[in-house]
Protein backbone atom coordinates (compact mmCIF):
# COMPACT_ATOMS: atom_id res chain seq x y z
CA UNK A 1 45.78 -10.87 3.48
CA UNK A 2 47.33 -10.64 -0.03
CA UNK A 3 45.40 -10.05 -3.15
CA UNK A 4 46.50 -13.64 -4.16
CA UNK A 5 45.11 -15.11 -1.08
CA UNK A 6 41.81 -13.07 -1.33
CA UNK A 7 41.26 -14.45 -4.63
CA UNK A 8 42.37 -18.17 -3.63
CA UNK A 9 39.61 -18.22 -1.12
CA UNK A 10 37.10 -16.48 -3.55
CA UNK A 11 36.72 -13.58 -1.23
CA UNK A 12 33.45 -13.41 0.99
CA UNK A 13 30.35 -15.85 0.72
CA UNK A 14 27.62 -14.15 -1.36
CA UNK A 15 25.07 -16.12 1.37
CA UNK A 16 25.20 -13.60 3.77
CA UNK A 17 23.16 -10.33 3.00
CA UNK A 18 22.78 -7.93 5.90
CA UNK A 19 24.97 -8.07 9.05
CA UNK A 20 25.70 -11.54 10.76
CA UNK A 21 27.97 -14.50 9.83
CA UNK A 22 29.88 -13.35 7.02
CA UNK A 23 33.23 -13.22 9.30
CA UNK A 24 32.84 -16.70 10.47
CA UNK A 25 32.35 -17.93 7.05
CA UNK A 26 35.60 -16.04 5.90
CA UNK A 27 37.45 -17.57 8.94
CA UNK A 28 36.47 -20.82 7.75
CA UNK A 29 37.20 -20.10 4.06
CA UNK A 30 40.94 -19.16 5.39
CA UNK A 31 41.60 -21.85 7.27
CA UNK A 32 40.10 -24.50 4.45
CA UNK A 33 42.43 -23.13 2.13
CA UNK A 34 45.22 -23.65 4.17
CA UNK A 35 46.17 -20.34 5.61
CA UNK A 36 46.50 -19.65 9.27
CA UNK A 37 45.27 -17.00 11.06
CA UNK A 38 47.56 -15.03 13.56
CA UNK A 39 46.75 -13.24 16.34
CA UNK A 40 49.38 -11.28 18.26
CA UNK A 41 49.39 -11.57 22.17
CA UNK A 42 47.52 -9.01 24.12
CA UNK A 43 50.90 -7.24 25.55
CA UNK A 44 51.55 -6.36 22.01
CA UNK A 45 48.18 -6.00 20.20
CA UNK A 46 44.69 -5.86 21.72
CA UNK A 47 41.71 -6.26 19.41
CA UNK A 48 38.66 -5.05 21.38
CA UNK A 49 35.14 -4.44 19.74
CA UNK A 50 33.97 -0.83 20.51
CA UNK A 51 30.32 -0.67 22.08
CA UNK A 52 27.88 0.71 19.35
CA UNK A 53 24.63 0.78 18.15
CA UNK A 54 23.54 -1.37 15.19
CA UNK A 55 24.11 0.45 11.59
CA UNK A 56 20.52 1.49 10.42
CA UNK A 57 21.84 1.28 6.91
CA UNK A 58 23.04 -2.24 7.08
CA UNK A 59 20.21 -4.37 8.06
CA UNK A 60 20.60 -7.57 10.21
CA UNK A 61 20.97 -10.61 7.85
CA UNK A 62 17.06 -11.49 6.61
CA UNK A 63 17.95 -15.08 7.10
CA UNK A 64 18.72 -14.63 10.65
CA UNK A 65 15.78 -11.95 11.49
CA UNK A 66 13.47 -14.52 9.24
CA UNK A 67 14.32 -17.19 12.04
CA UNK A 68 14.39 -15.00 15.16
CA UNK A 69 11.13 -13.10 14.72
CA UNK A 70 9.54 -14.51 11.56
CA UNK A 71 9.44 -10.97 9.90
CA UNK A 72 8.48 -11.35 6.51
CA UNK A 73 9.69 -7.84 5.26
CA UNK A 74 12.00 -9.78 2.84
CA UNK A 75 9.13 -11.29 0.81
CA UNK A 76 11.45 -13.73 -1.22
CA UNK A 77 12.96 -15.23 1.85
CA UNK A 78 9.65 -16.60 3.03
CA UNK A 79 10.34 -19.24 0.37
CA UNK A 80 13.46 -20.62 1.91
CA UNK A 81 13.79 -24.32 2.43
CA UNK A 82 13.18 -25.30 6.15
CA UNK A 83 16.63 -26.85 6.45
CA UNK A 84 18.17 -23.60 5.29
CA UNK A 85 16.27 -21.07 7.58
CA UNK A 86 19.32 -20.36 9.99
CA UNK A 87 22.56 -18.34 9.36
CA UNK A 88 24.15 -21.31 11.61
CA UNK A 89 22.97 -23.98 9.05
CA UNK A 90 24.34 -21.71 6.33
CA UNK A 91 27.75 -21.73 8.44
CA UNK A 92 27.56 -25.12 8.75
CA UNK A 93 27.10 -25.94 5.15
CA UNK A 94 30.01 -23.24 4.27
CA UNK A 95 32.59 -25.78 3.02
CA UNK A 96 29.89 -27.07 0.42
CA UNK A 97 29.64 -23.59 -1.13
CA UNK A 98 33.56 -22.71 -1.44
CA UNK A 99 34.12 -23.61 -4.99
CA UNK A 100 31.32 -21.96 -6.47
CA UNK A 101 30.56 -18.99 -3.89
CA UNK A 102 32.25 -15.99 -3.82
CA UNK A 103 33.37 -12.78 -5.57
CA UNK A 104 33.39 -14.34 -9.07
CA UNK A 105 29.56 -15.12 -8.66
CA UNK A 106 28.59 -11.91 -7.24
CA UNK A 107 26.06 -10.27 -9.57
CA UNK A 108 25.44 -6.73 -9.80
CA UNK A 109 24.65 -3.54 -11.74
CA UNK A 110 26.69 -0.18 -11.31
CA UNK A 111 24.17 2.43 -10.10
CA UNK A 112 26.83 5.32 -10.19
CA UNK A 113 30.77 5.85 -10.18
CA UNK A 114 32.96 8.74 -9.97
CA UNK A 115 35.60 10.59 -8.08
CA UNK A 116 34.55 11.96 -4.87
CA UNK A 117 35.75 14.52 -2.08
CA UNK A 118 37.86 16.48 -4.57
CA UNK A 119 39.23 13.18 -6.21
CA UNK A 120 40.44 11.87 -2.92
CA UNK A 121 38.72 8.26 -4.10
CA UNK A 122 36.64 6.83 -6.56
CA UNK A 123 33.33 5.71 -5.37
CA UNK A 124 31.50 3.19 -6.96
CA UNK A 125 27.93 2.21 -6.00
CA UNK A 126 26.21 -0.83 -7.00
CA UNK A 127 22.85 -2.70 -6.58
CA UNK A 128 23.05 -6.58 -5.81
CA UNK A 129 20.94 -8.99 -7.46
CA UNK A 130 20.22 -10.48 -4.13
CA UNK A 131 17.24 -12.64 -5.27
CA UNK A 132 19.42 -14.37 -8.50
CA UNK A 133 22.51 -14.84 -6.18
CA UNK A 134 20.57 -17.08 -3.44
CA UNK A 135 18.69 -19.01 -6.07
CA UNK A 136 22.08 -19.80 -7.63
CA UNK A 137 23.43 -20.85 -4.40
CA UNK A 138 20.13 -22.76 -3.80
CA UNK A 139 19.18 -20.85 -1.01
CA UNK A 140 15.60 -20.57 -2.17
CA UNK A 141 13.08 -22.91 -3.29
CA UNK A 142 12.49 -23.16 -7.09
């Protein structure tokens, strides 16, 4: 995907914090904007997910956890409206958010920035303003 294409689809949604749903939403954005996803035949290229445990630093999507286990560890998610509880509902409603949900609406504060690994690359660490973003998307109640 080129930079122009990424900008046109507005990048990833801000509705999916943690693990789960963001890849499906991105696919819907790509198709909605008239792009096609090409997958090479298996005799040319194969795509296989390697078996792995869940990444401990990347927690499951809190909305998904909330529905599955009633885990109230993310207290601002307690305010979710009943029709918005599941990531499946978020995916069903993706098309409603395409025009106002993407990288331009991401709110963050830069925590640190600078070169690392002897200047091999520049690392920028940010803190996402998760509650503000979700409120603007009307994912939490007022």
